[in-house]
Amino acid sequence: MMGGNMVGREGGLVVAKTGEKCPVFKDEIPHMAITLVGRSEDYHDLEYWLEYVKGLHCITRHFESEDGYIALRAEHQSAKARLASQTGTDQLSNFR
């Protein structure tokens, strides 16, 4: 696996963060986003960690390799964005 920072007990590895070129998806990482690589069998644990850190519904890209690893792109979800995705509206002027 590539070099990076380990996260959580699941053993996920952050391989790219904001402003860096992602070695998996071959693009530039957006503001407040990361790409995390881990074992396919740990998907739910990695998803839980990402949602804890970045917010619900933060996973925007997913790739599964044939050798049993997954890559997940997670983008930060603000409280307003999370509420909008859950309610299906972008009219949240009363949300504080």
PDB file of N, CA and C in Angstrom:
ATOM      1  N   MET A   1       0.828  -1.182   0.000  1.00  0.00           N
ATOM      2  CA  MET A   1       0.000   0.000   0.000  1.00  0.00           C
ATOM      3  C   MET A   1       0.873   1.246   0.000  1.00  0.00           C
ATOM      4  N   MET A   2       0.292   2.395  -0.332  1.00  0.00           N
ATOM      5  CA  MET A   2       1.017   3.654  -0.429  1.00  0.00           C
ATOM      6  C   MET A   2       1.284   4.253   0.944  1.00  0.00           C
ATOM      7  N   GLY A   3       2.196   5.223   1.019  1.00  0.00           N
ATOM      8  CA  GLY A   3       2.471   5.899   2.273  1.00  0.00           C
ATOM      9  C   GLY A   3       1.364   6.865   2.632  1.00  0.00           C
ATOM     10  N   GLY A   4       1.198   7.130   3.932  1.00  0.00           N
ATOM     11  CA  GLY A   4       0.160   8.053   4.381  1.00  0.00           C
ATOM     12  C   GLY A   4      -0.021   7.945   5.878  1.00  0.00           C
ATOM     13  N   ASN A   5      -1.100   8.519   6.387  1.00  0.00           N
ATOM     14  CA  ASN A   5      -1.391   8.500   7.815  1.00  0.00           C
ATOM     15  C   ASN A   5      -2.455   7.461   8.127  1.00  0.00           C
ATOM     16  N   MET A   6      -2.181   6.604   9.119  1.00  0.00           N
ATOM     17  CA  MET A   6      -3.150   5.598   9.551  1.00  0.00           C
ATOM     18  C   MET A   6      -4.250   6.280  10.345  1.00  0.00           C
ATOM     19  N   VAL A   7      -5.474   5.764  10.216  1.00  0.00           N
ATOM     20  CA  VAL A   7      -6.600   6.308  10.957  1.00  0.00           C
ATOM     21  C   VAL A   7      -7.399   5.190  11.607  1.00  0.00           C
ATOM     22  N   GLY A   8      -7.837   5.430  12.824  1.00  0.00           N
ATOM     23  CA  GLY A   8      -8.719   4.494  13.514  1.00  0.00           C
ATOM     24  C   GLY A   8      -8.131   3.110  13.698  1.00  0.00           C
ATOM     25  N   ARG A   9      -8.841   2.296  14.416  1.00  0.00           N
ATOM     26  CA  ARG A   9      -8.390   0.921  14.653  1.00  0.00           C
ATOM     27  C   ARG A   9      -8.587   0.041  13.428  1.00  0.00           C
ATOM     28  N   GLU A  10      -9.328   0.543  12.440  1.00  0.00           N
ATOM     29  CA  GLU A  10      -9.609  -0.213  11.229  1.00  0.00           C
ATOM     30  C   GLU A  10      -8.392  -0.325  10.319  1.00  0.00           C
ATOM     31  N   GLY A  11      -7.423   0.556  10.518  1.00  0.00           N
ATOM     32  CA  GLY A  11      -6.226   0.489   9.705  1.00  0.00           C
ATOM     33  C   GLY A  11      -6.355   1.154   8.356  1.00  0.00           C
ATOM     34  N   GLY A  12      -7.274   2.100   8.229  1.00  0.00           N
ATOM     35  CA  GLY A  12      -7.379   2.856   6.987  1.00  0.00           C
ATOM     36  C   GLY A  12      -6.166   3.758   6.832  1.00  0.00           C
ATOM     37  N   LEU A  13      -5.850   4.099   5.614  1.00  0.00           N
ATOM     38  CA  LEU A  13      -4.680   4.906   5.325  1.00  0.00           C
ATOM     39  C   LEU A  13      -5.098   6.102   4.479  1.00  0.00           C
ATOM     40  N   VAL A  14      -4.856   7.307   4.995  1.00  0.00           N
ATOM     41  CA  VAL A  14      -5.138   8.514   4.215  1.00  0.00           C
ATOM     42  C   VAL A  14      -4.007   8.651   3.197  1.00  0.00           C
ATOM     43  N   VAL A  15      -4.339   8.538   1.912  1.00  0.00           N
ATOM     44  CA  VAL A  15      -3.308   8.591   0.875  1.00  0.00           C
ATOM     45  C   VAL A  15      -3.225   9.943   0.206  1.00  0.00           C
ATOM     46  N   ALA A  16      -4.241  10.799   0.391  1.00  0.00           N
ATOM     47  CA  ALA A  16      -4.209  12.144  -0.188  1.00  0.00           C
ATOM     48  C   ALA A  16      -5.197  13.027   0.553  1.00  0.00           C
ATOM     49  N   LYS A  17      -4.850  14.325   0.642  1.00  0.00           N
ATOM     50  CA  LYS A  17      -5.738  15.291   1.290  1.00  0.00           C
ATOM     51  C   LYS A  17      -5.774  16.569   0.471  1.00  0.00           C
ATOM     52  N   THR A  18      -6.552  17.530   0.931  1.00  0.00           N
ATOM     53  CA  THR A  18      -6.807  18.779   0.208  1.00  0.00           C
ATOM     54  C   THR A  18      -5.591  19.303  -0.554  1.00  0.00           C
ATOM     55  N   GLY A  19      -5.798  19.559  -1.843  1.00  0.00           N
ATOM     56  CA  GLY A  19      -4.769  20.159  -2.681  1.00  0.00           C
ATOM     57  C   GLY A  19      -3.763  19.192  -3.271  1.00  0.00           C
ATOM     58  N   GLU A  20      -3.737  17.955  -2.804  1.00  0.00           N
ATOM     59  CA  GLU A  20      -2.788  16.965  -3.334  1.00  0.00           C
ATOM     60  C   GLU A  20      -3.416  16.208  -4.497  1.00  0.00           C
ATOM     61  N   LYS A  21      -2.563  15.601  -5.337  1.00  0.00           N
ATOM     62  CA  LYS A  21      -3.055  14.754  -6.414  1.00  0.00           C
ATOM     63  C   LYS A  21      -3.319  13.371  -5.841  1.00  0.00           C
ATOM     64  N   CYS A  22      -4.516  12.862  -6.077  1.00  0.00           N
ATOM     65  CA  CYS A  22      -4.907  11.554  -5.555  1.00  0.00           C
ATOM     66  C   CYS A  22      -4.295  10.441  -6.404  1.00  0.00           C
ATOM     67  N   PRO A  23      -3.548   9.501  -5.785  1.00  0.00           N
ATOM     68  CA  PRO A  23      -2.950   8.409  -6.544  1.00  0.00           C
ATOM     69  C   PRO A  23      -3.965   7.362  -6.998  1.00  0.00           C
ATOM     70  N   VAL A  24      -5.148   7.376  -6.420  1.00  0.00           N
ATOM     71  CA  VAL A  24      -6.181   6.400  -6.783  1.00  0.00           C
ATOM     72  C   VAL A  24      -7.083   6.948  -7.882  1.00  0.00           C
ATOM     73  N   PHE A  25      -7.674   8.122  -7.642  1.00  0.00           N
ATOM     74  CA  PHE A  25      -8.636   8.687  -8.586  1.00  0.00           C
ATOM     75  C   PHE A  25      -8.001   9.613  -9.615  1.00  0.00           C
ATOM     76  N   LYS A  26      -6.712   9.889  -9.468  1.00  0.00           N
ATOM     77  CA  LYS A  26      -5.930  10.679 -10.428  1.00  0.00           C
ATOM     78  C   LYS A  26      -6.471  12.104 -10.633  1.00  0.00           C
ATOM     79  N   ASP A  27      -6.967  12.696  -9.538  1.00  0.00           N
ATOM     80  CA  ASP A  27      -7.453  14.070  -9.611  1.00  0.00           C
ATOM     81  C   ASP A  27      -6.917  14.855  -8.418  1.00  0.00           C
ATOM     82  N   GLU A  28      -7.199  16.148  -8.397  1.00  0.00           N
ATOM     83  CA  GLU A  28      -6.784  16.962  -7.259  1.00  0.00           C
ATOM     84  C   GLU A  28      -7.865  16.879  -6.181  1.00  0.00           C
ATOM     85  N   ILE A  29      -7.438  16.692  -4.949  1.00  0.00           N
ATOM     86  CA  ILE A  29      -8.378  16.559  -3.843  1.00  0.00           C
ATOM     87  C   ILE A  29      -9.037  17.914  -3.567  1.00  0.00           C
ATOM     88  N   PRO A  30     -10.379  17.957  -3.523  1.00  0.00           N
ATOM     89  CA  PRO A  30     -11.078  19.215  -3.236  1.00  0.00           C
ATOM     90  C   PRO A  30     -10.810  19.709  -1.812  1.00  0.00           C
ATOM     91  N   HIS A  31     -11.211  20.945  -1.557  1.00  0.00           N
ATOM     92  CA  HIS A  31     -11.064  21.564  -0.237  1.00  0.00           C
ATOM     93  C   HIS A  31     -11.759  20.709   0.828  1.00  0.00           C
ATOM     94  N   MET A  32     -11.068  20.473   1.940  1.00  0.00           N
ATOM     95  CA  MET A  32     -11.568  19.719   3.094  1.00  0.00           C
ATOM     96  C   MET A  32     -12.002  18.293   2.741  1.00  0.00           C
ATOM     97  N   ALA A  33     -11.239  17.630   1.869  1.00  0.00           N
ATOM     98  CA  ALA A  33     -11.546  16.257   1.466  1.00  0.00           C
ATOM     99  C   ALA A  33     -10.307  15.386   1.631  1.00  0.00           C
ATOM    100  N   ILE A  34     -10.525  14.069   1.687  1.00  0.00           N
ATOM    101  CA  ILE A  34      -9.432  13.098   1.768  1.00  0.00           C
ATOM    102  C   ILE A  34      -9.791  11.869   0.935  1.00  0.00           C
ATOM    103  N   THR A  35      -8.776  11.106   0.574  1.00  0.00           N
ATOM    104  CA  THR A  35      -8.974   9.774   0.027  1.00  0.00           C
ATOM    105  C   THR A  35      -8.381   8.801   1.032  1.00  0.00           C
ATOM    106  N   LEU A  36      -9.178   7.823   1.401  1.00  0.00           N
ATOM    107  CA  LEU A  36      -8.805   6.822   2.402  1.00  0.00           C
ATOM    108  C   LEU A  36      -8.779   5.459   1.736  1.00  0.00           C
ATOM    109  N   VAL A  37      -7.733   4.673   1.988  1.00  0.00           N
ATOM    110  CA  VAL A  37      -7.623   3.322   1.453  1.00  0.00           C
ATOM    111  C   VAL A  37      -7.607   2.341   2.620  1.00  0.00           C
ATOM    112  N   GLY A  38      -8.331   1.242   2.472  1.00  0.00           N
ATOM    113  CA  GLY A  38      -8.369   0.217   3.504  1.00  0.00           C
ATOM    114  C   GLY A  38      -8.801  -1.111   2.907  1.00  0.00           C
ATOM    115  N   ARG A  39      -8.929  -2.109   3.750  1.00  0.00           N
ATOM    116  CA  ARG A  39      -9.368  -3.429   3.298  1.00  0.00           C
ATOM    117  C   ARG A  39     -10.877  -3.418   3.037  1.00  0.00           C
ATOM    118  N   SER A  40     -11.296  -4.111   2.013  1.00  0.00           N
ATOM    119  CA  SER A  40     -12.720  -4.175   1.667  1.00  0.00           C
ATOM    120  C   SER A  40     -13.556  -4.682   2.825  1.00  0.00           C
ATOM    121  N   GLU A  41     -13.027  -5.619   3.575  1.00  0.00           N
ATOM    122  CA  GLU A  41     -13.781  -6.192   4.705  1.00  0.00           C
ATOM    123  C   GLU A  41     -14.017  -5.174   5.825  1.00  0.00           C
ATOM    124  N   ASP A  42     -13.262  -4.085   5.821  1.00  0.00           N
ATOM    125  CA  ASP A  42     -13.411  -3.050   6.850  1.00  0.00           C
ATOM    126  C   ASP A  42     -14.261  -1.869   6.381  1.00  0.00           C
ATOM    127  N   TYR A  43     -14.980  -2.037   5.261  1.00  0.00           N
ATOM    128  CA  TYR A  43     -15.727  -0.923   4.679  1.00  0.00           C
ATOM    129  C   TYR A  43     -16.613  -0.207   5.698  1.00  0.00           C
ATOM    130  N   HIS A  44     -17.423  -0.953   6.435  1.00  0.00           N
ATOM    131  CA  HIS A  44     -18.374  -0.316   7.353  1.00  0.00           C
ATOM    132  C   HIS A  44     -17.667   0.441   8.478  1.00  0.00           C
ATOM    133  N   ASP A  45     -16.552  -0.086   8.960  1.00  0.00           N
ATOM    134  CA  ASP A  45     -15.789   0.614   9.991  1.00  0.00           C
ATOM    135  C   ASP A  45     -15.162   1.892   9.430  1.00  0.00           C
ATOM    136  N   LEU A  46     -14.637   1.814   8.220  1.00  0.00           N
ATOM    137  CA  LEU A  46     -14.044   2.996   7.585  1.00  0.00           C
ATOM    138  C   LEU A  46     -15.110   4.046   7.297  1.00  0.00           C
ATOM    139  N   GLU A  47     -16.263   3.597   6.819  1.00  0.00           N
ATOM    140  CA  GLU A  47     -17.372   4.513   6.564  1.00  0.00           C
ATOM    141  C   GLU A  47     -17.797   5.208   7.861  1.00  0.00           C
ATOM    142  N   TYR A  48     -17.892   4.456   8.949  1.00  0.00           N
ATOM    143  CA  TYR A  48     -18.267   5.026  10.248  1.00  0.00           C
ATOM    144  C   TYR A  48     -17.263   6.098  10.665  1.00  0.00           C
ATOM    145  N   TRP A  49     -15.963   5.795  10.540  1.00  0.00           N
ATOM    146  CA  TRP A  49     -14.928   6.758  10.926  1.00  0.00           C
ATOM    147  C   TRP A  49     -15.034   8.022  10.073  1.00  0.00           C
ATOM    148  N   LEU A  50     -15.194   7.845   8.755  1.00  0.00           N
ATOM    149  CA  LEU A  50     -15.294   9.004   7.862  1.00  0.00           C
ATOM    150  C   LEU A  50     -16.507   9.864   8.199  1.00  0.00           C
ATOM    151  N   GLU A  51     -17.639   9.235   8.447  1.00  0.00           N
ATOM    152  CA  GLU A  51     -18.840  10.002   8.770  1.00  0.00           C
ATOM    153  C   GLU A  51     -18.714  10.692  10.121  1.00  0.00           C
ATOM    154  N   TYR A  52     -17.971  10.106  11.037  1.00  0.00           N
ATOM    155  CA  TYR A  52     -17.724  10.747  12.327  1.00  0.00           C
ATOM    156  C   TYR A  52     -16.868  12.006  12.137  1.00  0.00           C
ATOM    157  N   VAL A  53     -15.861  11.902  11.286  1.00  0.00           N
ATOM    158  CA  VAL A  53     -14.920  13.001  11.080  1.00  0.00           C
ATOM    159  C   VAL A  53     -15.452  14.036  10.082  1.00  0.00           C
ATOM    160  N   LYS A  54     -16.017  13.597   8.973  1.00  0.00           N
ATOM    161  CA  LYS A  54     -16.405  14.497   7.879  1.00  0.00           C
ATOM    162  C   LYS A  54     -17.902  14.791   7.804  1.00  0.00           C
ATOM    163  N   GLY A  55     -18.734  14.030   8.492  1.00  0.00           N
ATOM    164  CA  GLY A  55     -20.181  14.251   8.468  1.00  0.00           C
ATOM    165  C   GLY A  55     -20.914  13.180   7.672  1.00  0.00           C
ATOM    166  N   LEU A  56     -22.191  13.022   7.971  1.00  0.00           N
ATOM    167  CA  LEU A  56     -23.012  12.027   7.275  1.00  0.00           C
ATOM    168  C   LEU A  56     -23.018  12.274   5.774  1.00  0.00           C
ATOM    169  N   HIS A  57     -23.098  11.194   5.018  1.00  0.00           N
ATOM    170  CA  HIS A  57     -23.166  11.248   3.551  1.00  0.00           C
ATOM    171  C   HIS A  57     -21.946  11.941   2.948  1.00  0.00           C
ATOM    172  N   CYS A  58     -20.781  11.769   3.565  1.00  0.00           N
ATOM    173  CA  CYS A  58     -19.570  12.449   3.102  1.00  0.00           C
ATOM    174  C   CYS A  58     -18.852  11.699   1.988  1.00  0.00           C
ATOM    175  N   ILE A  59     -19.121  10.418   1.808  1.00  0.00           N
ATOM    176  CA  ILE A  59     -18.405   9.628   0.805  1.00  0.00           C
ATOM    177  C   ILE A  59     -18.942   9.970  -0.581  1.00  0.00           C
ATOM    178  N   THR A  60     -18.055  10.506  -1.420  1.00  0.00           N
ATOM    179  CA  THR A  60     -18.465  10.954  -2.745  1.00  0.00           C
ATOM    180  C   THR A  60     -17.924  10.083  -3.870  1.00  0.00           C
ATOM    181  N   ARG A  61     -16.894   9.289  -3.603  1.00  0.00           N
ATOM    182  CA  ARG A  61     -16.338   8.370  -4.610  1.00  0.00           C
ATOM    183  C   ARG A  61     -15.932   7.089  -3.913  1.00  0.00           C
ATOM    184  N   HIS A  62     -15.996   5.999  -4.666  1.00  0.00           N
ATOM    185  CA  HIS A  62     -15.688   4.675  -4.120  1.00  0.00           C
ATOM    186  C   HIS A  62     -15.024   3.846  -5.209  1.00  0.00           C
ATOM    187  N   PHE A  63     -13.966   3.142  -4.858  1.00  0.00           N
ATOM    188  CA  PHE A  63     -13.295   2.260  -5.807  1.00  0.00           C
ATOM    189  C   PHE A  63     -12.898   0.994  -5.064  1.00  0.00           C
ATOM    190  N   GLU A  64     -13.171  -0.159  -5.646  1.00  0.00           N
ATOM    191  CA  GLU A  64     -12.786  -1.430  -5.038  1.00  0.00           C
ATOM    192  C   GLU A  64     -11.849  -2.164  -5.987  1.00  0.00           C
ATOM    193  N   SER A  65     -10.672  -2.524  -5.466  1.00  0.00           N
ATOM    194  CA  SER A  65      -9.687  -3.219  -6.300  1.00  0.00           C
ATOM    195  C   SER A  65      -9.907  -4.725  -6.231  1.00  0.00           C
ATOM    196  N   GLU A  66      -9.308  -5.423  -7.176  1.00  0.00           N
ATOM    197  CA  GLU A  66      -9.437  -6.876  -7.222  1.00  0.00           C
ATOM    198  C   GLU A  66      -8.648  -7.563  -6.109  1.00  0.00           C
ATOM    199  N   ASP A  67      -7.684  -6.840  -5.507  1.00  0.00           N
ATOM    200  CA  ASP A  67      -6.866  -7.464  -4.460  1.00  0.00           C
ATOM    201  C   ASP A  67      -7.410  -7.223  -3.048  1.00  0.00           C
ATOM    202  N   GLY A  68      -8.681  -6.806  -2.944  1.00  0.00           N
ATOM    203  CA  GLY A  68      -9.325  -6.718  -1.643  1.00  0.00           C
ATOM    204  C   GLY A  68      -9.193  -5.398  -0.910  1.00  0.00           C
ATOM    205  N   TYR A  69      -8.862  -4.336  -1.625  1.00  0.00           N
ATOM    206  CA  TYR A  69      -8.764  -3.010  -1.000  1.00  0.00           C
ATOM    207  C   TYR A  69      -9.813  -2.080  -1.586  1.00  0.00           C
ATOM    208  N   ILE A  70     -10.200  -1.083  -0.794  1.00  0.00           N
ATOM    209  CA  ILE A  70     -11.134  -0.068  -1.258  1.00  0.00           C
ATOM    210  C   ILE A  70     -10.515   1.304  -1.060  1.00  0.00           C
ATOM    211  N   ALA A  71     -10.931   2.225  -1.897  1.00  0.00           N
ATOM    212  CA  ALA A  71     -10.550   3.635  -1.756  1.00  0.00           C
ATOM    213  C   ALA A  71     -11.841   4.423  -1.643  1.00  0.00           C
ATOM    214  N   LEU A  72     -11.888   5.312  -0.671  1.00  0.00           N
ATOM    215  CA  LEU A  72     -13.069   6.132  -0.436  1.00  0.00           C
ATOM    216  C   LEU A  72     -12.674   7.601  -0.445  1.00  0.00           C
ATOM    217  N   ARG A  73     -13.375   8.406  -1.229  1.00  0.00           N
ATOM    218  CA  ARG A  73     -13.191   9.864  -1.200  1.00  0.00           C
ATOM    219  C   ARG A  73     -14.257  10.413  -0.277  1.00  0.00           C
ATOM    220  N   ALA A  74     -13.850  11.202   0.684  1.00  0.00           N
ATOM    221  CA  ALA A  74     -14.792  11.820   1.615  1.00  0.00           C
ATOM    222  C   ALA A  74     -14.598  13.324   1.600  1.00  0.00           C
ATOM    223  N   GLU A  75     -15.705  14.041   1.471  1.00  0.00           N
ATOM    224  CA  GLU A  75     -15.673  15.498   1.480  1.00  0.00           C
ATOM    225  C   GLU A  75     -16.435  15.987   2.696  1.00  0.00           C
ATOM    226  N   HIS A  76     -15.910  17.020   3.336  1.00  0.00           N
ATOM    227  CA  HIS A  76     -16.520  17.571   4.539  1.00  0.00           C
ATOM    228  C   HIS A  76     -17.949  18.012   4.270  1.00  0.00           C
ATOM    229  N   GLN A  77     -18.861  17.632   5.158  1.00  0.00           N
ATOM    230  CA  GLN A  77     -20.261  18.018   5.050  1.00  0.00           C
ATOM    231  C   GLN A  77     -20.594  18.960   6.198  1.00  0.00           C
ATOM    232  N   SER A  78     -20.935  20.193   5.874  1.00  0.00           N
ATOM    233  CA  SER A  78     -21.317  21.134   6.923  1.00  0.00           C
ATOM    234  C   SER A  78     -22.675  20.723   7.487  1.00  0.00           C
ATOM    235  N   ALA A  79     -23.009  21.237   8.638  1.00  0.00           N
ATOM    236  CA  ALA A  79     -24.293  20.918   9.256  1.00  0.00           C
ATOM    237  C   ALA A  79     -25.440  21.301   8.325  1.00  0.00           C
ATOM    238  N   LYS A  80     -25.329  22.445   7.648  1.00  0.00           N
ATOM    239  CA  LYS A  80     -26.378  22.860   6.720  1.00  0.00           C
ATOM    240  C   LYS A  80     -26.506  21.874   5.558  1.00  0.00           C
ATOM    241  N   ALA A  81     -25.371  21.445   5.017  1.00  0.00           N
ATOM    242  CA  ALA A  81     -25.396  20.507   3.888  1.00  0.00           C
ATOM    243  C   ALA A  81     -25.992  19.172   4.314  1.00  0.00           C
ATOM    244  N   ARG A  82     -25.635  18.699   5.517  1.00  0.00           N
ATOM    245  CA  ARG A  82     -26.201  17.435   6.007  1.00  0.00           C
ATOM    246  C   ARG A  82     -27.706  17.555   6.145  1.00  0.00           C
ATOM    247  N   LEU A  83     -28.177  18.648   6.742  1.00  0.00           N
ATOM    248  CA  LEU A  83     -29.612  18.836   6.924  1.00  0.00           C
ATOM    249  C   LEU A  83     -30.318  18.947   5.577  1.00  0.00           C
ATOM    250  N   ALA A  84     -29.712  19.655   4.634  1.00  0.00           N
ATOM    251  CA  ALA A  84     -30.308  19.799   3.306  1.00  0.00           C
ATOM    252  C   ALA A  84     -30.422  18.444   2.617  1.00  0.00           C
ATOM    253  N   SER A  85     -29.398  17.602   2.737  1.00  0.00           N
ATOM    254  CA  SER A  85     -29.447  16.287   2.082  1.00  0.00           C
ATOM    255  C   SER A  85     -30.490  15.386   2.734  1.00  0.00           C
ATOM    256  N   GLN A  86     -30.722  15.571   4.020  1.00  0.00           N
ATOM    257  CA  GLN A  86     -31.696  14.745   4.725  1.00  0.00           C
ATOM    258  C   GLN A  86     -33.123  15.223   4.484  1.00  0.00           C
ATOM    259  N   THR A  87     -33.315  16.541   4.300  1.00  0.00           N
ATOM    260  CA  THR A  87     -34.659  17.089   4.119  1.00  0.00           C
ATOM    261  C   THR A  87     -35.006  17.322   2.665  1.00  0.00           C
ATOM    262  N   GLY A  88     -34.002  17.301   1.797  1.00  0.00           N
ATOM    263  CA  GLY A  88     -34.246  17.504   0.375  1.00  0.00           C
ATOM    264  C   GLY A  88     -34.507  18.959   0.022  1.00  0.00           C
ATOM    265  N   THR A  89     -34.000  19.881   0.815  1.00  0.00           N
ATOM    266  CA  THR A  89     -34.210  21.297   0.538  1.00  0.00           C
ATOM    267  C   THR A  89     -32.915  22.067   0.726  1.00  0.00           C
ATOM    268  N   ASP A  90     -32.809  23.178   0.042  1.00  0.00           N
ATOM    269  CA  ASP A  90     -31.655  24.049   0.266  1.00  0.00           C
ATOM    270  C   ASP A  90     -32.101  25.361   0.901  1.00  0.00           C
ATOM    271  N   GLN A  91     -33.360  25.456   1.278  1.00  0.00           N
ATOM    272  CA  GLN A  91     -33.899  26.648   1.934  1.00  0.00           C
ATOM    273  C   GLN A  91     -33.822  26.468   3.441  1.00  0.00           C
ATOM    274  N   LEU A  92     -32.662  26.744   4.010  1.00  0.00           N
ATOM    275  CA  LEU A  92     -32.438  26.509   5.429  1.00  0.00           C
ATOM    276  C   LEU A  92     -32.070  27.802   6.151  1.00  0.00           C
ATOM    277  N   SER A  93     -32.735  28.894   5.814  1.00  0.00           N
ATOM    278  CA  SER A  93     -32.375  30.187   6.395  1.00  0.00           C
ATOM    279  C   SER A  93     -32.602  30.236   7.906  1.00  0.00           C
ATOM    280  N   ASN A  94     -33.461  29.374   8.431  1.00  0.00           N
ATOM    281  CA  ASN A  94     -33.721  29.376   9.884  1.00  0.00           C
ATOM    282  C   ASN A  94     -32.749  28.499  10.658  1.00  0.00           C
ATOM    283  N   PHE A  95     -31.901  27.756   9.945  1.00  0.00           N
ATOM    284  CA  PHE A  95     -30.951  26.870  10.607  1.00  0.00           C
ATOM    285  C   PHE A  95     -29.800  27.667  11.182  1.00  0.00           C
ATOM    286  N   ARG A  96     -29.493  27.482  12.464  1.00  0.00           N
ATOM    287  CA  ARG A  96     -28.380  28.194  13.107  1.00  0.00           C
ATOM    288  C   ARG A  96     -27.437  27.225  13.766  1.00  0.00           C
TER     289      ARG A  96
END
